[in-house]
C-alpha atoms as a PDB file:
ATOM      1  CA  MET A   1      18.149 -36.241 -23.030  1.00  0.00           C
ATOM      2  CA  ASP A   2      14.475 -36.338 -23.947  1.00  0.00           C
ATOM      3  CA  LEU A   3      12.645 -33.202 -25.044  1.00  0.00           C
ATOM      4  CA  ALA A   4      10.704 -32.702 -21.793  1.00  0.00           C
ATOM      5  CA  ALA A   5      13.891 -32.899 -19.722  1.00  0.00           C
ATOM      6  CA  HIS A   6      15.706 -30.566 -22.124  1.00  0.00           C
ATOM      7  CA  LEU A   7      12.930 -27.953 -22.083  1.00  0.00           C
ATOM      8  CA  PHE A   8      12.628 -28.232 -18.290  1.00  0.00           C
ATOM      9  CA  ASP A   9      16.344 -27.455 -18.081  1.00  0.00           C
ATOM     10  CA  LEU A  10      16.058 -24.471 -20.446  1.00  0.00           C
ATOM     11  CA  GLU A  11      12.924 -23.097 -18.752  1.00  0.00           C
ATOM     12  CA  THR A  12      14.395 -23.350 -15.274  1.00  0.00           C
ATOM     13  CA  GLN A  13      17.686 -21.792 -16.371  1.00  0.00           C
ATOM     14  CA  LEU A  14      15.598 -18.627 -16.757  1.00  0.00           C
ATOM     15  CA  HIS A  15      14.717 -18.895 -13.049  1.00  0.00           C
ATOM     16  CA  ARG A  16      18.351 -18.896 -11.898  1.00  0.00           C
ATOM     17  CA  GLN A  17      19.956 -15.714 -10.571  1.00  0.00           C
ATOM     18  CA  ASP A  18      23.205 -16.208 -12.530  1.00  0.00           C
ATOM     19  CA  VAL A  19      21.340 -16.583 -15.844  1.00  0.00           C
ATOM     20  CA  ARG A  20      18.915 -13.721 -15.147  1.00  0.00           C
ATOM     21  CA  ALA A  21      21.940 -11.433 -14.577  1.00  0.00           C
ATOM     22  CA  ASP A  22      23.730 -12.590 -17.770  1.00  0.00           C
ATOM     23  CA  GLU A  23      22.556 -10.687 -20.859  1.00  0.00           C
ATOM     24  CA  ALA A  24      24.303 -13.058 -23.292  1.00  0.00           C
ATOM     25  CA  ALA A  25      22.691 -16.106 -21.648  1.00  0.00           C
ATOM     26  CA  LEU A  26      19.261 -14.466 -21.781  1.00  0.00           C
ATOM     27  CA  ARG A  27      19.686 -13.619 -25.459  1.00  0.00           C
ATOM     28  CA  ARG A  28      20.625 -17.255 -26.190  1.00  0.00           C
ATOM     29  CA  LEU A  29      17.521 -18.569 -24.409  1.00  0.00           C
ATOM     30  CA  ILE A  30      14.972 -15.950 -25.507  1.00  0.00           C
ATOM     31  CA  ALA A  31      14.073 -15.464 -29.180  1.00  0.00           C
ATOM     32  CA  GLU A  32      14.539 -12.040 -30.763  1.00  0.00           C
ATOM     33  CA  ASP A  33      10.787 -11.847 -31.544  1.00  0.00           C
ATOM     34  CA  PHE A  34       9.788 -12.964 -27.997  1.00  0.00           C
ATOM     35  CA  VAL A  35       6.637 -11.624 -26.306  1.00  0.00           C
ATOM     36  CA  GLU A  36       5.538 -12.114 -22.702  1.00  0.00           C
ATOM     37  CA  PHE A  37       2.198 -11.350 -21.087  1.00  0.00           C
ATOM     38  CA  GLY A  38       3.314 -10.830 -17.492  1.00  0.00           C
ATOM     39  CA  VAL A  39       1.284 -11.490 -14.355  1.00  0.00           C
ATOM     40  CA  SER A  40       1.102  -7.694 -13.919  1.00  0.00           C
ATOM     41  CA  GLY A  41      -0.550  -7.297 -17.322  1.00  0.00           C
ATOM     42  CA  THR A  42       2.616  -5.822 -18.815  1.00  0.00           C
ATOM     43  CA  VAL A  43       3.570  -6.919 -22.335  1.00  0.00           C
ATOM     44  CA  TRP A  44       7.320  -7.590 -22.495  1.00  0.00           C
ATOM     45  CA  THR A  45       9.768  -7.888 -25.392  1.00  0.00           C
ATOM     46  CA  ARG A  46      13.130  -9.632 -25.167  1.00  0.00           C
ATOM     47  CA  ASP A  47      14.977  -6.319 -24.836  1.00  0.00           C
ATOM     48  CA  ALA A  48      12.601  -5.127 -22.105  1.00  0.00           C
ATOM     49  CA  VAL A  49      13.056  -8.377 -20.153  1.00  0.00           C
ATOM     50  CA  VAL A  50      16.853  -8.207 -20.432  1.00  0.00           C
ATOM     51  CA  GLN A  51      16.834  -4.602 -19.226  1.00  0.00           C
ATOM     52  CA  ALA A  52      14.378  -5.233 -16.362  1.00  0.00           C
ATOM     53  CA  LEU A  53      16.351  -8.197 -15.042  1.00  0.00           C
ATOM     54  CA  ARG A  54      19.503  -6.053 -14.666  1.00  0.00           C
ATOM     55  CA  GLY A  55      18.093  -4.409 -11.552  1.00  0.00           C
ATOM     56  CA  GLU A  56      15.958  -7.294 -10.337  1.00  0.00           C
ATOM     57  CA  SER A  57      15.567  -8.112  -6.670  1.00  0.00           C
ATOM     58  CA  PHE A  58      15.987 -11.886  -7.119  1.00  0.00           C
ATOM     59  CA  SER A  59      13.525 -14.390  -5.669  1.00  0.00           C
ATOM     60  CA  GLN A  60      14.033 -18.161  -5.721  1.00  0.00           C
ATOM     61  CA  ARG A  61      11.490 -20.014  -7.896  1.00  0.00           C
ATOM     62  CA  GLU A  62      10.040 -23.514  -7.787  1.00  0.00           C
ATOM     63  CA  VAL A  63       8.337 -25.473 -10.591  1.00  0.00           C
ATOM     64  CA  THR A  64       5.723 -28.223 -10.268  1.00  0.00           C
ATOM     65  CA  ASP A  65       3.304 -29.947 -12.663  1.00  0.00           C
ATOM     66  CA  PHE A  66       5.677 -29.446 -15.619  1.00  0.00           C
ATOM     67  CA  ARG A  67       4.230 -30.627 -18.943  1.00  0.00           C
ATOM     68  CA  VAL A  68       5.344 -30.444 -22.572  1.00  0.00           C
ATOM     69  CA  THR A  69       3.007 -30.626 -25.578  1.00  0.00           C
ATOM     70  CA  LEU A  70       4.621 -30.824 -29.006  1.00  0.00           C
ATOM     71  CA  LEU A  71       2.678 -28.471 -31.319  1.00  0.00           C
ATOM     72  CA  ALA A  72       4.876 -29.156 -34.363  1.00  0.00           C
ATOM     73  CA  GLU A  73       8.227 -30.899 -34.737  1.00  0.00           C
ATOM     74  CA  ASP A  74       9.963 -27.594 -34.000  1.00  0.00           C
ATOM     75  CA  VAL A  75       7.457 -25.941 -31.621  1.00  0.00           C
ATOM     76  CA  ALA A  76       6.587 -27.005 -28.069  1.00  0.00           C
ATOM     77  CA  LEU A  77       4.189 -25.696 -25.435  1.00  0.00           C
ATOM     78  CA  VAL A  78       5.432 -25.887 -21.839  1.00  0.00           C
ATOM     79  CA  THR A  79       3.015 -25.458 -18.926  1.00  0.00           C
ATOM     80  CA  TYR A  80       3.650 -25.556 -15.180  1.00  0.00           C
ATOM     81  CA  ARG A  81       2.787 -24.169 -11.787  1.00  0.00           C
ATOM     82  CA  GLY A  82       5.302 -21.646 -10.487  1.00  0.00           C
ATOM     83  CA  HIS A  83       6.027 -20.539  -6.941  1.00  0.00           C
ATOM     84  CA  ARG A  84       8.130 -17.485  -6.132  1.00  0.00           C
ATOM     85  CA  VAL A  85       9.650 -17.653  -2.655  1.00  0.00           C
ATOM     86  CA  ALA A  86       9.148 -14.607  -0.432  1.00  0.00           C
ATOM     87  CA  THR A  87      12.008 -12.160   0.117  1.00  0.00           C
ATOM     88  CA  PRO A  88      12.171  -8.991   2.231  1.00  0.00           C
ATOM     89  CA  GLN A  89      11.385  -7.023  -0.970  1.00  0.00           C
ATOM     90  CA  ARG A  90       8.613  -9.233  -2.409  1.00  0.00           C
ATOM     91  CA  PRO A  91       5.898 -11.507  -1.040  1.00  0.00           C
ATOM     92  CA  ALA A  92       5.605 -15.137  -2.137  1.00  0.00           C
ATOM     93  CA  SER A  93       3.321 -15.769  -5.093  1.00  0.00           C
ATOM     94  CA  ASP A  94       1.918 -18.649  -7.094  1.00  0.00           C
ATOM     95  CA  SER A  95       1.126 -18.619 -10.788  1.00  0.00           C
ATOM     96  CA  LEU A  96       0.289 -20.776 -13.758  1.00  0.00           C
ATOM     97  CA  ARG A  97       2.937 -20.462 -16.455  1.00  0.00           C
ATOM     98  CA  SER A  98       3.033 -21.273 -20.157  1.00  0.00           C
ATOM     99  CA  SER A  99       5.848 -20.908 -22.654  1.00  0.00           C
ATOM    100  CA  ILE A 100       6.193 -21.640 -26.331  1.00  0.00           C
ATOM    101  CA  TRP A 101       9.643 -22.852 -27.365  1.00  0.00           C
ATOM    102  CA  ARG A 102      10.797 -22.904 -31.000  1.00  0.00           C
ATOM    103  CA  LEU A 103      13.668 -24.902 -32.483  1.00  0.00           C
ATOM    104  CA  ARG A 104      15.788 -22.868 -34.909  1.00  0.00           C
ATOM    105  CA  ASP A 105      19.251 -23.697 -36.181  1.00  0.00           C
ATOM    106  CA  GLY A 106      19.500 -26.630 -33.769  1.00  0.00           C
ATOM    107  CA  ARG A 107      18.683 -24.534 -30.685  1.00  0.00           C
ATOM    108  CA  TRP A 108      15.471 -24.172 -28.700  1.00  0.00           C
ATOM    109  CA  GLN A 109      14.507 -20.599 -27.754  1.00  0.00           C
ATOM    110  CA  MET A 110      11.548 -19.218 -25.849  1.00  0.00           C
ATOM    111  CA  LEU A 111       9.204 -17.428 -28.235  1.00  0.00           C
ATOM    112  CA  PHE A 112       6.294 -16.640 -25.883  1.00  0.00           C
ATOM    113  CA  HIS A 113       5.620 -16.700 -22.146  1.00  0.00           C
ATOM    114  CA  GLN A 114       2.574 -15.963 -20.020  1.00  0.00           C
ATOM    115  CA  GLY A 115       2.087 -15.888 -16.274  1.00  0.00           C
ATOM    116  CA  THR A 116      -1.338 -16.020 -14.636  1.00  0.00           C
ATOM    117  CA  LEU A 117      -1.440 -15.131 -10.938  1.00  0.00           C
ATOM    118  CA  LEU A 118      -3.272 -17.571  -8.681  1.00  0.00           C
END
């Protein structure tokens, strides 16, 4: 599997309801020193994300315009356009997304994520 396909798979795993509800899976995918700048302006740590997703009202997500830029042999920038499908609890929304993935001990983990509301 090429790097872009692999990182697309990892990134979109984080959009799946079963993964978002699985603390062990989240901790495998998200680095311990992770930081997110959320669309709400909230700054999130890995522990805060794991805790917040426990009670999440899940919304299906769609990804388009997915791109990978290798910043170093063990660091990659992922960018894409995200769409969150409307639910009775939340309206649909569109955003630009960026993530930095780092390869450590043979495993890619998300180090940084940012969402910008459109």
